Amino acid sequence: MRGAAINCRILVFAKAPMPGRVKTRLIPVLGEAGAAELQRQMIARTLDTAVAARLGMPELWCDPDPDVPFFADCAKRYGVGLRAQGEGDLGLRMKRALEHALSASTPALLIGCDCPVLTPGYLREAAAALAGGDEAVFGPAEDGGYVLIGLARSPQSQLFDKVAWGTATVMQQTRARLAQGNWRWRELEPVWDVDRPEDLARLHALNLRAEKKRAE
């Protein structure tokens, strides 16, 4: 099934690249300005990927709100719509965004901006899973969380309430709750994201390979 033929919304969660507020675990290595610049680059990379997936125009869900000039620049550059994530923990904000998207009876994928190896093909594979009958799809992260969640029906609170976000048990907890709710779900190939200082060497190697490929 070609990605262009699949009707699926892509919701991109992003925190504005404000020094001192983003990539805080990387600040000891990069400094506040360097961590903010990395966040800016990761958001741009993610939006490039989401647009290239050709699943429809992505939406950028903003934290703290769409009035931040950086987000206005993203809307102008990529043509994406802007929405506020709103208040609450990560689970409540994701649930709110997915409910909004699914109210139009269209499957939705929600991604963050921490995964540099996310590809258009990976997004199309996730969308195809939902189009093929799975009620949920996940892109597990090597650190125990997930970088992508896709739903074809309205989310239940049990998927998001009281999850230990940011820990190595997120996907494990989610699997248990999916099983309890009798969801039909699929998991894609695990990928890695950039959260800790040790991830930076891996990111640097990835960028070097990309530069070499462009030069060939």
C-alpha atoms as a PDB file:
ATOM      1  CA  MET A   1       0.000   0.000   0.000  1.00  0.00           C
ATOM      2  CA  ARG A   2       1.498   3.366  -0.980  1.00  0.00           C
ATOM      3  CA  GLY A   3       1.844   5.938   1.771  1.00  0.00           C
ATOM      4  CA  ALA A   4       0.220   8.632  -0.381  1.00  0.00           C
ATOM      5  CA  ALA A   5      -2.990   6.597  -0.529  1.00  0.00           C
ATOM      6  CA  ILE A   6      -3.294   6.232   3.259  1.00  0.00           C
ATOM      7  CA  ASN A   7      -5.413   8.775   5.093  1.00  0.00           C
ATOM      8  CA  CYS A   8      -3.641   9.334   8.403  1.00  0.00           C
ATOM      9  CA  ARG A   9      -2.908  12.478  10.401  1.00  0.00           C
ATOM     10  CA  ILE A  10       0.560  13.129  11.838  1.00  0.00           C
ATOM     11  CA  LEU A  11       0.761  15.028  15.108  1.00  0.00           C
ATOM     12  CA  VAL A  12       4.229  16.323  15.987  1.00  0.00           C
ATOM     13  CA  PHE A  13       4.788  17.167  19.652  1.00  0.00           C
ATOM     14  CA  ALA A  14       7.480  19.797  20.132  1.00  0.00           C
ATOM     15  CA  LYS A  15       8.812  21.945  22.942  1.00  0.00           C
ATOM     16  CA  ALA A  16      10.087  25.375  21.903  1.00  0.00           C
ATOM     17  CA  PRO A  17      13.908  25.478  21.808  1.00  0.00           C
ATOM     18  CA  MET A  18      14.309  27.852  24.742  1.00  0.00           C
ATOM     19  CA  PRO A  19      17.712  27.732  26.505  1.00  0.00           C
ATOM     20  CA  GLY A  20      17.462  26.073  29.889  1.00  0.00           C
ATOM     21  CA  ARG A  21      14.075  24.478  29.195  1.00  0.00           C
ATOM     22  CA  VAL A  22      14.896  21.756  26.683  1.00  0.00           C
ATOM     23  CA  LYS A  23      17.261  18.769  26.556  1.00  0.00           C
ATOM     24  CA  THR A  24      18.076  19.425  30.183  1.00  0.00           C
ATOM     25  CA  ARG A  25      19.984  16.156  30.614  1.00  0.00           C
ATOM     26  CA  LEU A  26      22.323  17.300  27.843  1.00  0.00           C
ATOM     27  CA  ILE A  27      23.010  20.767  29.263  1.00  0.00           C
ATOM     28  CA  PRO A  28      26.066  19.591  31.272  1.00  0.00           C
ATOM     29  CA  VAL A  29      27.655  18.574  27.950  1.00  0.00           C
ATOM     30  CA  LEU A  30      26.242  21.098  25.466  1.00  0.00           C
ATOM     31  CA  GLY A  31      25.365  24.059  27.648  1.00  0.00           C
ATOM     32  CA  GLU A  32      21.937  25.678  27.629  1.00  0.00           C
ATOM     33  CA  ALA A  33      22.391  27.346  24.229  1.00  0.00           C
ATOM     34  CA  GLY A  34      23.819  24.197  22.660  1.00  0.00           C
ATOM     35  CA  ALA A  35      20.983  22.048  23.982  1.00  0.00           C
ATOM     36  CA  ALA A  36      18.439  24.535  22.618  1.00  0.00           C
ATOM     37  CA  GLU A  37      20.139  24.516  19.217  1.00  0.00           C
ATOM     38  CA  LEU A  38      20.031  20.713  19.169  1.00  0.00           C
ATOM     39  CA  GLN A  39      16.318  20.883  19.950  1.00  0.00           C
ATOM     40  CA  ARG A  40      15.797  23.281  17.046  1.00  0.00           C
ATOM     41  CA  GLN A  41      17.649  20.937  14.692  1.00  0.00           C
ATOM     42  CA  MET A  42      15.697  17.906  15.893  1.00  0.00           C
ATOM     43  CA  ILE A  43      12.370  19.655  15.347  1.00  0.00           C
ATOM     44  CA  ALA A  44      13.399  20.627  11.815  1.00  0.00           C
ATOM     45  CA  ARG A  45      14.532  17.065  11.081  1.00  0.00           C
ATOM     46  CA  THR A  46      11.246  15.653  12.376  1.00  0.00           C
ATOM     47  CA  LEU A  47       9.104  18.053  10.359  1.00  0.00           C
ATOM     48  CA  ASP A  48      11.114  17.279   7.215  1.00  0.00           C
ATOM     49  CA  THR A  49      10.454  13.570   7.832  1.00  0.00           C
ATOM     50  CA  ALA A  50       6.756  14.036   8.562  1.00  0.00           C
ATOM     51  CA  VAL A  51       6.189  16.090   5.400  1.00  0.00           C
ATOM     52  CA  ALA A  52       8.192  13.614   3.285  1.00  0.00           C
ATOM     53  CA  ALA A  53       5.991  10.725   4.480  1.00  0.00           C
ATOM     54  CA  ARG A  54       3.206  12.163   2.295  1.00  0.00           C
ATOM     55  CA  LEU A  55       0.423  11.130   4.642  1.00  0.00           C
ATOM     56  CA  GLY A  56      -1.153  14.559   4.678  1.00  0.00           C
ATOM     57  CA  MET A  57       0.052  17.849   6.113  1.00  0.00           C
ATOM     58  CA  PRO A  58       1.342  17.329   9.684  1.00  0.00           C
ATOM     59  CA  GLU A  59       0.168  19.346  12.663  1.00  0.00           C
ATOM     60  CA  LEU A  60       2.669  20.833  15.094  1.00  0.00           C
ATOM     61  CA  TRP A  61       1.452  20.598  18.698  1.00  0.00           C
ATOM     62  CA  CYS A  62       3.314  23.275  20.596  1.00  0.00           C
ATOM     63  CA  ASP A  63       4.641  23.700  24.105  1.00  0.00           C
ATOM     64  CA  PRO A  64       4.265  26.235  25.615  1.00  0.00           C
ATOM     65  CA  ASP A  65       1.934  27.637  22.932  1.00  0.00           C
ATOM     66  CA  PRO A  66       1.778  28.454  19.206  1.00  0.00           C
ATOM     67  CA  ASP A  67       2.521  32.158  19.807  1.00  0.00           C
ATOM     68  CA  VAL A  68       6.233  31.470  20.232  1.00  0.00           C
ATOM     69  CA  PRO A  69       7.989  33.017  17.178  1.00  0.00           C
ATOM     70  CA  PHE A  70       9.904  29.795  16.505  1.00  0.00           C
ATOM     71  CA  PHE A  71       6.641  27.945  15.905  1.00  0.00           C
ATOM     72  CA  ALA A  72       5.356  30.687  13.614  1.00  0.00           C
ATOM     73  CA  ASP A  73       8.534  30.244  11.571  1.00  0.00           C
ATOM     74  CA  CYS A  74       7.869  26.485  11.390  1.00  0.00           C
ATOM     75  CA  ALA A  75       4.333  27.099  10.159  1.00  0.00           C
ATOM     76  CA  LYS A  76       5.620  29.423   7.451  1.00  0.00           C
ATOM     77  CA  ARG A  77       8.444  27.119   6.376  1.00  0.00           C
ATOM     78  CA  TYR A  78       6.549  23.820   6.365  1.00  0.00           C
ATOM     79  CA  GLY A  79       2.939  24.911   5.971  1.00  0.00           C
ATOM     80  CA  VAL A  80       1.921  23.007   9.088  1.00  0.00           C
ATOM     81  CA  GLY A  81      -0.972  23.891  11.333  1.00  0.00           C
ATOM     82  CA  LEU A  82      -0.199  24.881  14.915  1.00  0.00           C
ATOM     83  CA  ARG A  83      -2.018  23.774  18.052  1.00  0.00           C
ATOM     84  CA  ALA A  84      -1.309  24.136  21.752  1.00  0.00           C
ATOM     85  CA  GLN A  85      -0.587  20.983  23.746  1.00  0.00           C
ATOM     86  CA  GLY A  86      -2.291  22.558  26.762  1.00  0.00           C
ATOM     87  CA  GLU A  87      -1.863  21.753  30.421  1.00  0.00           C
ATOM     88  CA  GLY A  88      -1.203  18.446  32.133  1.00  0.00           C
ATOM     89  CA  ASP A  89       1.401  15.712  32.078  1.00  0.00           C
ATOM     90  CA  LEU A  90       2.606  14.096  28.872  1.00  0.00           C
ATOM     91  CA  GLY A  91      -0.072  11.405  28.977  1.00  0.00           C
ATOM     92  CA  LEU A  92      -2.939  13.870  29.293  1.00  0.00           C
ATOM     93  CA  ARG A  93      -1.548  16.058  26.516  1.00  0.00           C
ATOM     94  CA  MET A  94      -1.094  13.112  24.137  1.00  0.00           C
ATOM     95  CA  LYS A  95      -4.566  11.805  24.900  1.00  0.00           C
ATOM     96  CA  ARG A  96      -6.055  15.246  24.239  1.00  0.00           C
ATOM     97  CA  ALA A  97      -4.280  15.569  20.888  1.00  0.00           C
ATOM     98  CA  LEU A  98      -5.189  12.078  19.714  1.00  0.00           C
ATOM     99  CA  GLU A  99      -8.827  12.498  20.724  1.00  0.00           C
ATOM    100  CA  HIS A 100      -8.963  15.721  18.729  1.00  0.00           C
ATOM    101  CA  ALA A 101      -7.472  14.053  15.658  1.00  0.00           C
ATOM    102  CA  LEU A 102      -9.639  10.955  15.905  1.00  0.00           C
ATOM    103  CA  SER A 103     -12.818  12.997  16.249  1.00  0.00           C
ATOM    104  CA  ALA A 104     -12.665  13.306  12.456  1.00  0.00           C
ATOM    105  CA  SER A 105     -12.723   9.481  12.182  1.00  0.00           C
ATOM    106  CA  THR A 106      -9.206   9.475  10.730  1.00  0.00           C
ATOM    107  CA  PRO A 107      -6.344   7.394  12.174  1.00  0.00           C
ATOM    108  CA  ALA A 108      -3.557   9.446  13.717  1.00  0.00           C
ATOM    109  CA  LEU A 109       0.139   9.090  14.458  1.00  0.00           C
ATOM    110  CA  LEU A 110       1.749  11.082  17.240  1.00  0.00           C
ATOM    111  CA  ILE A 111       5.517  11.539  17.314  1.00  0.00           C
ATOM    112  CA  GLY A 112       8.001  13.584  19.277  1.00  0.00           C
ATOM    113  CA  CYS A 113      11.213  15.185  18.045  1.00  0.00           C
ATOM    114  CA  ASP A 114      13.818  13.076  19.850  1.00  0.00           C
ATOM    115  CA  CYS A 115      14.352  10.320  17.273  1.00  0.00           C
ATOM    116  CA  PRO A 116      16.913  11.165  14.555  1.00  0.00           C
ATOM    117  CA  VAL A 117      16.463   7.834  12.756  1.00  0.00           C
ATOM    118  CA  LEU A 118      12.753   8.266  12.152  1.00  0.00           C
ATOM    119  CA  THR A 119      12.144   7.958   8.399  1.00  0.00           C
ATOM    120  CA  PRO A 120       9.217   8.600   6.056  1.00  0.00           C
ATOM    121  CA  GLY A 121       9.072   4.850   5.457  1.00  0.00           C
ATOM    122  CA  TYR A 122       8.762   4.173   9.179  1.00  0.00           C
ATOM    123  CA  LEU A 123       5.809   6.564   9.375  1.00  0.00           C
ATOM    124  CA  ARG A 124       4.186   4.996   6.324  1.00  0.00           C
ATOM    125  CA  GLU A 125       4.639   1.541   7.857  1.00  0.00           C
ATOM    126  CA  ALA A 126       2.871   2.722  11.004  1.00  0.00           C
ATOM    127  CA  ALA A 127       0.030   4.262   9.004  1.00  0.00           C
ATOM    128  CA  ALA A 128      -0.325   1.094   6.948  1.00  0.00           C
ATOM    129  CA  ALA A 129      -0.713  -0.947  10.139  1.00  0.00           C
ATOM    130  CA  LEU A 130      -3.685   1.191  11.166  1.00  0.00           C
ATOM    131  CA  ALA A 131      -5.152   1.100   7.660  1.00  0.00           C
ATOM    132  CA  GLY A 132      -4.789  -2.696   7.704  1.00  0.00           C
ATOM    133  CA  GLY A 133      -6.896  -3.228  10.805  1.00  0.00           C
ATOM    134  CA  ASP A 134      -4.637  -2.720  13.807  1.00  0.00           C
ATOM    135  CA  GLU A 135      -6.192  -0.449  16.414  1.00  0.00           C
ATOM    136  CA  ALA A 136      -2.839   0.824  17.661  1.00  0.00           C
ATOM    137  CA  VAL A 137       0.761   0.898  16.502  1.00  0.00           C
ATOM    138  CA  PHE A 138       3.936   1.776  18.394  1.00  0.00           C
ATOM    139  CA  GLY A 139       7.521   2.611  17.576  1.00  0.00           C
ATOM    140  CA  PRO A 140       9.361   1.278  20.643  1.00  0.00           C
ATOM    141  CA  ALA A 141      12.478   3.075  21.805  1.00  0.00           C
ATOM    142  CA  GLU A 142      15.574   1.163  22.835  1.00  0.00           C
ATOM    143  CA  ASP A 143      15.487   2.890  26.221  1.00  0.00           C
ATOM    144  CA  GLY A 144      12.101   1.366  27.095  1.00  0.00           C
ATOM    145  CA  GLY A 145       9.773   4.136  25.966  1.00  0.00           C
ATOM    146  CA  TYR A 146       8.276   4.755  22.551  1.00  0.00           C
ATOM    147  CA  VAL A 147       8.873   7.363  19.853  1.00  0.00           C
ATOM    148  CA  LEU A 148       5.576   6.868  18.009  1.00  0.00           C
ATOM    149  CA  ILE A 149       2.039   5.999  18.939  1.00  0.00           C
ATOM    150  CA  GLY A 150      -0.692   5.582  16.359  1.00  0.00           C
ATOM    151  CA  LEU A 151      -4.368   4.943  17.032  1.00  0.00           C
ATOM    152  CA  ALA A 152      -7.323   4.078  14.860  1.00  0.00           C
ATOM    153  CA  ARG A 153      -9.906   4.472  17.626  1.00  0.00           C
ATOM    154  CA  SER A 154     -10.371   6.843  20.512  1.00  0.00           C
ATOM    155  CA  PRO A 155      -7.796   6.323  23.250  1.00  0.00           C
ATOM    156  CA  GLN A 156      -8.734   4.949  26.650  1.00  0.00           C
ATOM    157  CA  SER A 157      -7.483   6.714  29.754  1.00  0.00           C
ATOM    158  CA  GLN A 158      -5.726   3.544  30.867  1.00  0.00           C
ATOM    159  CA  LEU A 159      -3.165   3.970  28.065  1.00  0.00           C
ATOM    160  CA  PHE A 160      -2.016   7.312  29.441  1.00  0.00           C
ATOM    161  CA  ASP A 161      -2.968   7.698  33.095  1.00  0.00           C
ATOM    162  CA  LYS A 162      -0.272   7.260  35.748  1.00  0.00           C
ATOM    163  CA  VAL A 163       2.378   6.029  33.306  1.00  0.00           C
ATOM    164  CA  ALA A 164       5.954   6.501  34.519  1.00  0.00           C
ATOM    165  CA  TRP A 165       6.885   8.788  31.619  1.00  0.00           C
ATOM    166  CA  GLY A 166      10.591   9.134  30.932  1.00  0.00           C
ATOM    167  CA  THR A 167      11.483   5.771  32.455  1.00  0.00           C
ATOM    168  CA  ALA A 168      12.507   2.397  31.030  1.00  0.00           C
ATOM    169  CA  THR A 169       9.095   0.871  31.853  1.00  0.00           C
ATOM    170  CA  VAL A 170       6.844   3.000  29.630  1.00  0.00           C
ATOM    171  CA  MET A 171       6.442   0.468  26.809  1.00  0.00           C
ATOM    172  CA  GLN A 172       6.155  -2.400  29.274  1.00  0.00           C
ATOM    173  CA  GLN A 173       3.350  -0.617  31.122  1.00  0.00           C
ATOM    174  CA  THR A 174       1.649   0.236  27.837  1.00  0.00           C
ATOM    175  CA  ARG A 175       1.744  -3.362  26.605  1.00  0.00           C
ATOM    176  CA  ALA A 176       0.061  -4.537  29.791  1.00  0.00           C
ATOM    177  CA  ARG A 177      -2.674  -1.961  29.445  1.00  0.00           C
ATOM    178  CA  LEU A 178      -3.227  -2.758  25.777  1.00  0.00           C
ATOM    179  CA  ALA A 179      -3.649  -6.421  26.672  1.00  0.00           C
ATOM    180  CA  GLN A 180      -6.092  -5.563  29.455  1.00  0.00           C
ATOM    181  CA  GLY A 181      -8.155  -3.514  27.032  1.00  0.00           C
ATOM    182  CA  ASN A 182      -8.098  -6.205  24.315  1.00  0.00           C
ATOM    183  CA  TRP A 183      -6.494  -3.867  21.802  1.00  0.00           C
ATOM    184  CA  ARG A 184      -5.166  -5.155  18.496  1.00  0.00           C
ATOM    185  CA  TRP A 185      -1.744  -3.541  18.207  1.00  0.00           C
ATOM    186  CA  ARG A 186       1.508  -3.787  16.314  1.00  0.00           C
ATOM    187  CA  GLU A 187       5.038  -2.828  17.270  1.00  0.00           C
ATOM    188  CA  LEU A 188       7.525  -1.641  14.676  1.00  0.00           C
ATOM    189  CA  GLU A 189      11.285  -2.125  14.780  1.00  0.00           C
ATOM    190  CA  PRO A 190      12.777  -0.514  17.924  1.00  0.00           C
ATOM    191  CA  VAL A 191      14.704   2.703  17.320  1.00  0.00           C
ATOM    192  CA  TRP A 192      16.875   4.992  19.435  1.00  0.00           C
ATOM    193  CA  ASP A 193      16.374   8.563  20.522  1.00  0.00           C
ATOM    194  CA  VAL A 194      18.511  11.365  21.900  1.00  0.00           C
ATOM    195  CA  ASP A 195      17.959  11.950  25.596  1.00  0.00           C
ATOM    196  CA  ARG A 196      21.260  11.303  27.372  1.00  0.00           C
ATOM    197  CA  PRO A 197      24.876  12.432  26.921  1.00  0.00           C
ATOM    198  CA  GLU A 198      25.846   8.967  25.667  1.00  0.00           C
ATOM    199  CA  ASP A 199      23.401   9.383  22.763  1.00  0.00           C
ATOM    200  CA  LEU A 200      25.373  12.313  21.360  1.00  0.00           C
ATOM    201  CA  ALA A 201      28.202  10.183  19.957  1.00  0.00           C
ATOM    202  CA  ARG A 202      25.649   8.077  18.100  1.00  0.00           C
ATOM    203  CA  LEU A 203      23.994  11.210  16.737  1.00  0.00           C
ATOM    204  CA  HIS A 204      27.352  12.606  15.625  1.00  0.00           C
ATOM    205  CA  ALA A 205      28.161   9.367  13.767  1.00  0.00           C
ATOM    206  CA  LEU A 206      24.743   9.449  12.095  1.00  0.00           C
ATOM    207  CA  ASN A 207      25.273  13.024  10.940  1.00  0.00           C
ATOM    208  CA  LEU A 208      28.728  12.200   9.594  1.00  0.00           C
ATOM    209  CA  ARG A 209      27.317   9.321   7.534  1.00  0.00           C
ATOM    210  CA  ALA A 210      24.602  11.599   6.167  1.00  0.00           C
ATOM    211  CA  GLU A 211      27.180  14.240   5.193  1.00  0.00           C
ATOM    212  CA  LYS A 212      29.347  11.649   3.511  1.00  0.00           C
ATOM    213  CA  LYS A 213      26.397  10.299   1.549  1.00  0.00           C
ATOM    214  CA  ARG A 214      25.449  13.789   0.340  1.00  0.00           C
ATOM    215  CA  ALA A 215      29.038  14.387  -0.776  1.00  0.00           C
ATOM    216  CA  GLU A 216      29.217  11.214  -2.859  1.00  0.00           C
END
